[in-house]
Structures are given as structure tokens and as C-alpha cells.
Amino acid sequence: MSNANTVTVKLFAVYQEAYKVPELMLELPDGTTVAGVCDRLIAEHPELAQFREITRFGVNLQFVEPDTILQDGDEVVLIPPVSGG
């Protein structure tokens, strides 16, 4: 049986508009990547798919690569491009 990790996902801009909250608590299976979190949000709100390729990811206040594996208690930030640009 695999363990689950609980992470906090901070939402900004288009992500916050979609969910109407500033953050989410997600339970994720072991081995979930930051990109996997993004995929899950897009699955729940398909209108966010257009931002997948241009979203940057942060974990615990550090920019990270999309394939970074999340640990229990991590704080994930999805940073979409700011409007205009």
C-alpha cells in the first residue's frame, strides 16, 4: 500500500479564479510530481489547460522543475504568467 502525502497548493491569478480560494490541501500518492498537481487541477478545471505549458512551479519558496517529486507537508505554488505580457 502506498503512502499519501498532504501538500498545500497556493493558487494565484487564473488558478485562484478557477477555484475561488487562495489555497487547496491535496492528498497525493507517493511519487507525485509538481506537474502532476498541475495535471490534477487541469482535470478538475479544463479551462486551465491553456496555461499548462507556461506555468512555473515553486515548492517551499524555491523554483523547481516540473518533475520534482513532492514530499509530505510541501507547499506548492503554481505561478501562471501575469496578465499582459
Protein backbone atom coordinates (compact mmCIF):
# COMPACT_ATOMS: atom_id res chain seq x y z
CA MET A 1 0.00 0.00 0.00
CA SER A 2 1.49 3.34 -0.96
CA ASN A 3 1.51 6.28 1.37
CA ALA A 4 -0.23 9.54 0.68
CA ASN A 5 1.36 12.93 1.05
CA THR A 6 -0.60 16.01 2.03
CA VAL A 7 0.54 19.20 0.33
CA THR A 8 -0.69 22.76 0.37
CA VAL A 9 -1.20 24.28 -3.08
CA LYS A 10 -1.15 28.06 -3.23
CA LEU A 11 -3.28 29.41 -6.07
CA PHE A 12 -2.69 32.65 -7.91
CA ALA A 13 -4.29 34.51 -10.80
CA VAL A 14 -6.12 32.17 -13.18
CA TYR A 15 -5.86 29.21 -10.79
CA GLN A 16 -7.35 31.18 -7.93
CA GLU A 17 -10.10 32.48 -10.21
CA ALA A 18 -11.00 28.93 -11.21
CA TYR A 19 -11.14 27.57 -7.67
CA LYS A 20 -12.35 30.73 -5.88
CA VAL A 21 -9.98 30.01 -2.98
CA PRO A 22 -6.37 31.07 -2.29
CA GLU A 23 -5.14 27.59 -1.46
CA LEU A 24 -6.01 23.90 -1.56
CA MET A 25 -4.97 20.98 0.62
CA LEU A 26 -4.43 17.92 -1.57
CA GLU A 27 -3.70 14.32 -0.69
CA LEU A 28 -1.41 12.87 -3.31
CA PRO A 29 0.09 9.43 -3.81
CA ASP A 30 3.79 8.95 -3.12
CA GLY A 31 5.88 9.94 -6.11
CA THR A 32 3.53 12.65 -7.37
CA THR A 33 5.40 15.41 -9.17
CA VAL A 34 4.70 19.12 -9.21
CA ALA A 35 3.49 18.73 -12.80
CA GLY A 36 1.13 16.02 -11.54
CA VAL A 37 -0.50 18.57 -9.25
CA CYS A 38 -0.96 20.88 -12.22
CA ASP A 39 -2.47 18.00 -14.22
CA ARG A 40 -4.93 17.28 -11.43
CA LEU A 41 -6.07 20.90 -11.27
CA ILE A 42 -6.47 20.96 -15.04
CA ALA A 43 -8.51 17.73 -14.87
CA GLU A 44 -10.87 19.47 -12.44
CA HIS A 45 -10.89 22.77 -14.38
CA PRO A 46 -10.16 22.06 -18.06
CA GLU A 47 -10.19 25.77 -18.87
CA LEU A 48 -6.78 25.93 -17.16
CA ALA A 49 -5.18 23.64 -19.77
CA GLN A 50 -4.09 26.63 -21.87
CA PHE A 51 -1.77 27.66 -19.02
CA ARG A 52 -0.06 24.28 -18.53
CA GLU A 53 2.99 24.99 -20.70
CA ILE A 54 3.63 28.46 -19.31
CA THR A 55 3.08 27.87 -15.59
CA ARG A 56 6.18 27.89 -13.38
CA PHE A 57 6.35 25.82 -10.23
CA GLY A 58 7.63 26.53 -6.77
CA VAL A 59 8.00 24.23 -3.78
CA ASN A 60 8.73 25.70 -0.36
CA LEU A 61 9.59 29.09 -1.88
CA GLN A 62 12.09 27.70 -4.41
CA PHE A 63 11.52 27.47 -8.14
CA VAL A 64 11.61 23.82 -9.18
CA GLU A 65 11.44 21.70 -12.31
CA PRO A 66 8.06 20.12 -13.21
CA ASP A 67 9.39 16.61 -12.48
CA THR A 68 10.24 17.46 -8.85
CA ILE A 69 8.78 14.79 -6.52
CA LEU A 70 6.66 16.17 -3.70
CA GLN A 71 7.12 15.27 -0.05
CA ASP A 72 4.55 15.26 2.73
CA GLY A 73 3.97 18.79 4.01
CA ASP A 74 5.35 20.57 0.96
CA GLU A 75 3.90 23.90 -0.07
CA VAL A 76 3.40 24.03 -3.83
CA VAL A 77 2.97 27.27 -5.73
CA LEU A 78 1.68 27.40 -9.30
CA ILE A 79 2.81 30.61 -10.91
CA PRO A 80 0.91 31.41 -14.07
CA PRO A 81 2.09 34.23 -16.29
CA VAL A 82 0.83 37.60 -15.13
CA SER A 83 -1.74 39.10 -17.45
CA GLY A 84 -0.45 41.26 -20.22
CA GLY A 85 2.97 40.31 -21.40
